[in-house]
Amino acid sequence: MLEIVKPSELDLARDWCRAAFLLPATDGDRAQLPVTFSHHTQPATTMLRNWQSIQAEQTVGDEYSLDEITFADPQGVLELRCEVKSYHAYPAVEWVAYLKNTGTVDSGILADILPLDTLFPLEPALPC
């Protein structure tokens, strides 16, 4: 039987997902987060450093794992929530990012919203 997905590809996808979503939620290095935006002309990479993060308990299914990570600003006005789905049998990760005004006042202008703003590592080229 032909093996379509290599174990190294699964490992690469898991490592990327961990670095892109789980580590920014736990160690405070939010520069790796692949979701970006600006608020009041300030970039998310600057703002998110001071935001609280909450990672919900992971839901594990037969085909994928689902993580929910929420970043909330200290003033309680804006929230970024990411639902991240990692597949067990395929080197694939998908996510949906939600921005929400959780305060009682207008949040201000959100701009430059990019749900995918990242670089992907590539394996070295194989000889032909």
Protein backbone atom coordinates (compact mmCIF):
# COMPACT_ATOMS: atom_id res chain seq x y z
CA MET A 1 0.00 0.00 0.00
CA LEU A 2 1.28 3.43 -0.95
CA GLU A 3 1.81 5.74 2.01
CA ILE A 4 0.43 9.15 1.08
CA VAL A 5 1.08 11.02 4.32
CA LYS A 6 4.54 10.73 5.84
CA PRO A 7 4.92 10.73 9.63
CA SER A 8 7.36 13.63 9.28
CA GLU A 9 4.59 15.68 7.61
CA LEU A 10 2.23 14.98 10.52
CA ASP A 11 4.94 15.99 12.98
CA LEU A 12 5.62 19.19 11.05
CA ALA A 13 1.91 20.15 11.09
CA ARG A 14 1.59 19.42 14.82
CA ASP A 15 4.74 21.41 15.61
CA TRP A 16 3.55 24.35 13.51
CA CYS A 17 0.13 24.35 15.19
CA ARG A 18 1.71 24.23 18.63
CA ALA A 19 4.07 27.12 17.82
CA ALA A 20 1.38 29.18 16.09
CA PHE A 21 -1.46 28.88 18.61
CA LEU A 22 -0.70 26.93 21.79
CA LEU A 23 2.64 28.49 22.72
CA PRO A 24 1.47 32.08 22.12
CA ALA A 25 -1.43 31.33 24.46
CA THR A 26 0.80 29.97 27.23
CA ASP A 27 4.21 31.64 27.09
CA GLY A 28 3.18 35.13 25.99
CA ASP A 29 5.15 35.20 22.71
CA ARG A 30 2.28 36.33 20.52
CA ALA A 31 4.45 37.21 17.49
CA GLN A 32 3.93 33.69 16.07
CA LEU A 33 0.14 33.95 16.07
CA PRO A 34 -0.97 33.69 12.40
CA VAL A 35 -4.00 35.97 12.92
CA THR A 36 -3.28 39.69 12.78
CA PHE A 37 -5.21 42.96 12.79
CA SER A 38 -4.81 46.51 13.94
CA HIS A 39 -6.91 48.43 16.46
CA HIS A 40 -6.67 52.21 16.67
CA THR A 41 -3.76 51.89 14.20
CA GLN A 42 -1.82 49.74 16.68
CA PRO A 43 -0.79 46.30 15.34
CA ALA A 44 -2.03 43.17 17.08
CA THR A 45 1.53 41.91 17.64
CA THR A 46 2.10 44.90 19.93
CA MET A 47 -1.28 44.79 21.70
CA LEU A 48 -1.53 41.04 22.23
CA ARG A 49 1.60 41.01 24.41
CA ASN A 50 -0.47 42.51 27.25
CA TRP A 51 -3.68 40.58 26.67
CA GLN A 52 -4.82 37.72 28.89
CA SER A 53 -5.09 34.33 27.26
CA ILE A 54 -7.35 31.43 28.11
CA GLN A 55 -7.05 28.02 26.55
CA ALA A 56 -10.16 25.88 26.89
CA GLU A 57 -9.77 22.17 27.50
CA GLN A 58 -8.94 20.39 24.27
CA THR A 59 -11.70 18.35 22.63
CA VAL A 60 -10.34 15.19 21.04
CA GLY A 61 -12.41 13.36 18.45
CA ASP A 62 -11.71 10.35 16.27
CA GLU A 63 -10.55 12.46 13.32
CA TYR A 64 -9.27 15.69 14.87
CA SER A 65 -8.52 17.69 18.03
CA LEU A 66 -10.15 21.04 18.66
CA ASP A 67 -8.57 23.80 20.73
CA GLU A 68 -10.22 27.09 21.65
CA ILE A 69 -7.88 29.91 22.57
CA THR A 70 -9.15 33.32 23.67
CA PHE A 71 -7.14 36.51 24.02
CA ALA A 72 -8.81 39.38 25.93
CA ASP A 73 -7.59 42.94 26.25
CA PRO A 74 -7.02 44.28 29.79
CA GLN A 75 -9.69 46.99 29.37
CA GLY A 76 -12.32 44.36 28.62
CA VAL A 77 -13.32 45.90 25.31
CA LEU A 78 -12.01 43.50 22.68
CA GLU A 79 -11.57 39.73 22.43
CA LEU A 80 -9.86 37.49 19.87
CA ARG A 81 -11.02 33.86 19.93
CA CYS A 82 -9.43 31.18 17.75
CA GLU A 83 -10.96 27.75 17.20
CA VAL A 84 -8.15 25.50 15.96
CA LYS A 85 -8.78 22.07 14.45
CA SER A 86 -5.80 19.69 14.03
CA TYR A 87 -6.37 16.50 12.06
CA HIS A 88 -4.91 13.20 13.26
CA ALA A 89 -4.45 11.46 9.89
CA TYR A 90 -3.50 14.44 7.72
CA PRO A 91 -0.94 17.24 8.02
CA ALA A 92 -3.70 19.84 8.11
CA VAL A 93 -4.69 22.56 10.54
CA GLU A 94 -7.68 24.82 10.12
CA TRP A 95 -8.87 27.67 12.27
CA VAL A 96 -11.50 30.33 12.55
CA ALA A 97 -10.74 33.64 14.25
CA TYR A 98 -13.46 35.74 15.88
CA LEU A 99 -13.06 39.35 16.97
CA LYS A 100 -15.69 40.54 19.42
CA ASN A 101 -16.43 43.74 21.31
CA THR A 102 -17.05 42.53 24.87
CA GLY A 103 -17.33 45.98 26.42
CA THR A 104 -20.07 48.55 26.79
CA VAL A 105 -18.40 51.17 24.58
CA ASP A 106 -17.41 51.16 20.94
CA SER A 107 -14.18 49.27 20.38
CA GLY A 108 -12.80 51.65 17.80
CA ILE A 109 -11.73 50.86 14.27
CA LEU A 110 -10.43 47.41 13.45
CA ALA A 111 -8.38 47.26 10.27
CA ASP A 112 -5.96 45.08 8.33
CA ILE A 113 -7.63 41.90 9.56
CA LEU A 114 -5.64 38.95 8.23
CA PRO A 115 -6.78 35.48 9.33
CA LEU A 116 -3.60 34.04 7.78
CA ASP A 117 -0.44 36.08 8.21
CA THR A 118 2.46 33.67 8.62
CA LEU A 119 5.29 31.82 6.93
CA PHE A 120 5.29 28.06 6.52
CA PRO A 121 8.44 25.98 6.83
CA LEU A 122 9.25 23.78 3.86
CA GLU A 123 11.13 20.53 3.80
CA PRO A 124 14.38 20.58 1.85
CA ALA A 125 13.94 19.70 -1.81
CA LEU A 126 14.30 16.03 -2.58
CA PRO A 127 16.52 14.94 -5.46
CA CYS A 128 14.63 14.05 -8.63
